[in-house]
Protein backbone atom coordinates (compact mmCIF):
# COMPACT_ATOMS: atom_id res chain seq x y z
CA MET A 1 2.50 10.95 -17.33
CA LYS A 2 -1.21 11.50 -16.85
CA TRP A 3 -3.63 9.76 -14.50
CA ASN A 4 -7.35 9.87 -13.78
CA VAL A 5 -7.47 12.79 -11.36
CA ARG A 6 -11.09 12.24 -10.35
CA VAL A 7 -10.45 8.61 -9.47
CA ALA A 8 -7.21 9.47 -7.70
CA ALA A 9 -8.89 12.20 -5.65
CA PHE A 10 -11.71 9.86 -4.63
CA LEU A 11 -9.33 7.10 -3.64
CA VAL A 12 -7.06 9.29 -1.56
CA ILE A 13 -10.05 10.58 0.41
CA ALA A 14 -11.19 7.02 1.02
CA VAL A 15 -7.74 5.95 2.17
CA LEU A 16 -7.10 8.92 4.43
CA ALA A 17 -10.54 8.84 6.01
CA GLY A 18 -9.71 5.65 7.86
CA SER A 19 -6.09 6.33 8.67
CA GLY A 20 -6.69 7.94 12.06
CA CYS A 21 -4.39 10.27 13.97
CA SER A 22 -1.64 10.03 16.53
CA ALA A 23 -0.35 12.10 19.41
CA LEU A 24 3.12 12.01 17.90
CA PRO A 25 4.24 15.36 16.42
CA GLY A 26 5.26 13.90 13.07
CA LEU A 27 1.88 12.28 12.55
CA ARG A 28 0.02 15.42 13.65
CA VAL A 29 1.78 17.25 10.82
CA LEU A 30 0.73 14.69 8.22
CA ALA A 31 -2.81 14.56 9.66
CA GLY A 32 -3.17 18.33 9.31
CA GLN A 33 -3.46 18.99 13.02
CA ASP A 34 -0.16 20.86 13.07
CA THR A 35 0.14 23.31 10.20
CA GLY A 36 2.58 25.80 8.75
CA GLU A 37 5.92 25.43 7.00
CA ALA A 38 7.84 25.22 10.28
CA ALA A 39 5.63 22.38 11.44
CA GLU A 40 6.03 20.52 8.13
CA ASN A 41 9.78 20.85 8.34
CA ARG A 42 9.79 19.20 11.77
CA LEU A 43 8.29 16.04 10.27
CA VAL A 44 11.48 14.07 9.59
CA GLU A 45 13.14 15.36 12.75
CA THR A 46 10.34 13.98 14.95
CA THR A 47 9.68 10.68 13.23
CA GLU A 48 12.47 8.88 15.05
CA LEU A 49 9.89 8.64 17.84
CA VAL A 50 7.84 6.44 15.52
CA MET A 51 10.77 4.67 13.94
CA ALA A 52 12.27 3.61 17.28
CA ASN A 53 11.87 -0.04 18.21
CA LYS A 54 10.26 0.06 21.64
CA SER A 55 11.51 -3.47 22.48
CA GLY A 56 15.10 -2.25 22.69
CA ASN A 57 16.25 -5.26 20.68
CA GLY A 58 16.77 -3.45 17.38
CA ASP A 59 14.99 -4.20 14.11
CA PRO A 60 16.57 -6.93 11.97
CA THR A 61 13.89 -7.15 9.27
CA LEU A 62 12.99 -5.09 6.25
CA ASN A 63 9.30 -5.72 6.87
CA ALA A 64 9.47 -4.06 10.26
CA ALA A 65 11.19 -1.02 8.72
CA ALA A 66 8.42 -0.80 6.10
CA ASP A 67 5.77 -1.05 8.82
CA ARG A 68 7.30 1.84 10.75
CA ILE A 69 7.53 4.03 7.64
CA GLU A 70 3.86 3.41 6.88
CA THR A 71 2.95 4.29 10.47
CA ALA A 72 4.99 7.49 10.32
CA ALA A 73 3.37 8.41 7.01
CA ALA A 74 -0.09 7.98 8.54
CA GLY A 75 -1.36 5.79 5.74
CA THR A 76 -0.38 8.03 2.83
CA VAL A 77 2.00 5.39 1.45
CA ASP A 78 1.83 1.62 1.31
CA ILE A 79 5.17 -0.10 0.77
CA ILE A 80 4.74 -3.10 -1.50
CA GLU A 81 8.36 -4.02 -2.16
CA ILE A 82 11.48 -3.41 -0.11
CA ARG A 83 14.77 -5.16 -0.75
CA ASN A 84 18.53 -4.74 -0.65
CA ASP A 85 20.05 -5.76 -4.00
CA LEU A 86 23.52 -7.01 -3.12
CA ASN A 87 24.51 -7.31 -6.78
CA THR A 88 23.90 -3.66 -7.64
CA ARG A 89 24.37 -2.41 -4.05
CA THR A 90 21.05 -0.58 -4.40
CA PHE A 91 18.41 -0.44 -1.69
CA GLN A 92 15.05 -0.42 -3.50
CA VAL A 93 11.67 0.66 -2.14
CA TYR A 94 8.40 0.63 -4.11
CA ALA A 95 5.45 2.33 -2.43
CA LEU A 96 1.83 2.82 -3.45
CA TYR A 97 1.05 6.52 -3.39
CA ILE A 98 -1.91 8.59 -4.58
CA PRO A 99 -1.16 12.22 -5.55
CA ILE A 100 -3.68 14.89 -4.69
CA SER A 101 -2.62 17.38 -7.36
CA ASP A 102 -0.54 17.61 -10.52
CA GLY A 103 2.84 16.02 -10.02
CA THR A 104 4.71 19.21 -10.93
CA SER A 105 2.88 21.51 -8.51
CA PRO A 106 4.84 22.81 -5.48
CA THR A 107 2.21 21.26 -3.19
CA GLU A 108 2.68 17.80 -4.69
CA VAL A 109 6.47 18.04 -4.84
CA ASN A 110 6.48 19.08 -1.18
CA ARG A 111 4.24 16.15 -0.30
CA GLU A 112 6.50 13.75 -2.18
CA ARG A 113 9.67 15.10 -0.63
CA ARG A 114 8.35 14.35 2.87
CA ILE A 115 7.65 10.78 1.77
CA PHE A 116 11.16 10.44 0.33
CA GLU A 117 12.65 11.83 3.56
CA LEU A 118 10.64 9.41 5.70
CA ILE A 119 11.74 6.43 3.62
CA TRP A 120 15.39 7.50 3.68
CA ARG A 121 15.34 7.79 7.45
CA GLY A 122 13.34 4.60 7.87
CA VAL A 123 15.77 2.39 5.90
CA MET A 124 19.05 3.98 6.93
CA ASP A 125 20.04 1.11 9.22
CA GLN A 126 18.82 -1.60 6.85
CA SER A 127 20.64 -0.07 3.87
CA ILE A 128 24.10 -0.29 5.41
CA GLY A 129 26.38 -1.65 2.67
CA ALA A 130 24.25 -0.24 -0.15
CA GLU A 131 25.71 2.52 -2.27
CA SER A 132 22.38 4.09 -3.21
CA ILE A 133 18.73 4.23 -2.18
CA ASN A 134 16.09 4.16 -4.89
CA VAL A 135 12.48 5.07 -4.13
CA SER A 136 9.70 4.55 -6.67
CA LEU A 137 6.17 5.84 -6.08
CA VAL A 138 3.46 3.73 -7.69
CA LEU A 139 -0.08 4.88 -8.47
CA PRO A 140 -2.60 2.01 -8.21
CA GLN A 141 -5.37 1.94 -10.80
CA GLN A 142 -8.41 -0.30 -10.65
CA PHE A 143 -9.70 -2.18 -13.68
CA SER A 144 -12.26 -4.92 -14.30
CA THR A 145 -11.32 -8.39 -15.49
CA ILE A 146 -13.63 -10.95 -17.10
CA ASP A 147 -12.67 -13.84 -14.85
CA ASN A 148 -11.39 -12.30 -11.62
CA GLY A 149 -13.53 -9.21 -11.08
CA GLN A 150 -11.80 -6.06 -9.87
CA SER A 151 -8.03 -5.98 -10.04
CA PHE A 152 -5.26 -3.38 -9.88
CA ILE A 153 -2.21 -2.35 -11.85
CA GLY A 154 0.45 0.13 -10.80
CA PHE A 155 1.89 3.06 -12.75
CA ILE A 156 5.26 4.42 -11.64
CA ILE A 157 4.72 8.15 -11.32
CA SER A 158 8.08 9.21 -9.87
CA THR A 159 11.46 7.78 -8.93
CA GLY A 160 14.35 9.14 -6.94
CA THR A 161 17.85 7.69 -6.57
CA ILE A 162 20.37 9.12 -4.13
CA ALA A 163 23.71 7.91 -2.80
CA ARG A 164 23.16 6.54 0.70
CA ASP A 165 25.86 8.76 2.20
CA GLU A 166 24.27 11.84 0.59
CA ALA A 167 20.87 10.91 2.03
CA LEU A 168 22.45 10.45 5.45
CA LEU A 169 24.20 13.82 5.19
CA TYR A 170 20.93 15.51 4.20
CA LEU A 171 19.09 13.99 7.17
CA GLU A 172 21.86 14.73 9.67
CA GLN A 173 21.88 18.40 8.67
CA GLY A 174 18.45 18.56 10.30
CA ALA A 175 16.97 21.10 7.88
CA PRO A 176 14.38 19.34 5.73
CA SER A 177 12.55 21.78 3.49
CA LEU A 178 11.15 22.01 -0.01
CA ASN A 179 13.97 24.35 -1.03
CA ASN A 180 16.69 22.02 0.24
CA PHE A 181 15.01 19.03 -1.39
CA VAL A 182 14.78 20.81 -4.74
CA ASN A 183 18.45 21.72 -4.39
CA LEU A 184 19.25 18.00 -4.19
CA ILE A 185 17.55 17.61 -7.58
CA THR A 186 19.02 20.66 -9.28
CA ASP A 187 22.60 19.89 -8.24
CA GLY A 188 22.25 16.27 -9.38
CA THR A 189 22.56 14.72 -5.90
CA LEU A 190 19.07 13.24 -6.22
CA ALA A 191 18.27 11.72 -9.62
CA TYR A 192 14.54 12.47 -9.69
CA ASP A 193 12.31 11.51 -12.60
CA GLN A 194 8.63 11.53 -13.53
CA PRO A 195 8.22 9.19 -16.53
CA ASP A 196 6.73 10.86 -19.61
CA SER A 197 5.44 7.55 -20.93
CA THR A 198 3.41 4.85 -19.23
CA THR A 199 5.68 2.84 -16.95
CA LEU A 200 4.11 -0.15 -15.23
CA TYR A 201 5.29 -1.60 -11.96
CA ASN A 202 6.43 -5.15 -12.72
CA GLY A 203 8.34 -6.02 -9.59
CA THR A 204 7.75 -8.73 -7.00
CA PRO A 205 5.83 -7.46 -3.94
CA ASN A 206 7.25 -8.75 -0.67
CA HIS A 207 5.39 -6.66 1.92
CA PRO A 208 1.70 -6.86 2.92
CA VAL A 209 -0.58 -4.34 1.22
CA PHE A 210 -3.32 -2.48 3.11
CA MET A 211 -4.24 0.29 0.67
CA ILE A 212 -5.85 -1.93 -1.96
CA ASP A 213 -8.20 -3.48 0.61
CA GLN A 214 -9.24 0.00 1.76
CA MET A 215 -9.89 1.07 -1.81
CA LEU A 216 -12.05 -1.96 -2.51
CA ALA A 217 -13.99 -1.41 0.70
CA ALA A 218 -14.52 2.27 -0.10
CA LEU A 219 -15.77 1.38 -3.56
CA GLY A 220 -18.14 -1.24 -2.15
CA ASN A 221 -16.31 -4.24 -3.64
């Protein structure tokens, strides 16, 4: 699918400008303070420092898992829906995400794969009992309404479904990389798709959204 690249580029700059940095290695990678392929590949391995619950009491809620993923991703994703569907045994995550280049470019695929890896790690405990984990990335687009002013709709720009045990195996191997991620797609382990036609997000958000407020503030609304 196609999106307004100029708007998307403006919005991602606005969002990232206020996201701040962290002393944690994983966040330094995402913030651009630690560069190089080796540094990028350490991202998922170091994010357990962020994911860990410092209270020592464990994390019983999906909202808390979503919060930790957003923190680890340094504001590049905003989870809007996270739920465990007991009927289909699918753990579903919808996240707002703004691409910075064409969705088929190696740079964008590499950026997406780090988001997928973070989400897989972040929900591994909460997804116990699920057979698969499905991640959908949603591009928010602003539009004007007659009665309610500025509003937003979401376009699904990519989805990825993987068996939970395959995601766990991938993470435990401790070798996240673009090549290994692409191998998951090519061998059919990860069912990855970028819709050719317009696909709107029509789910039911159940997690607080911060990205929309930042966009409105950046646009002076």
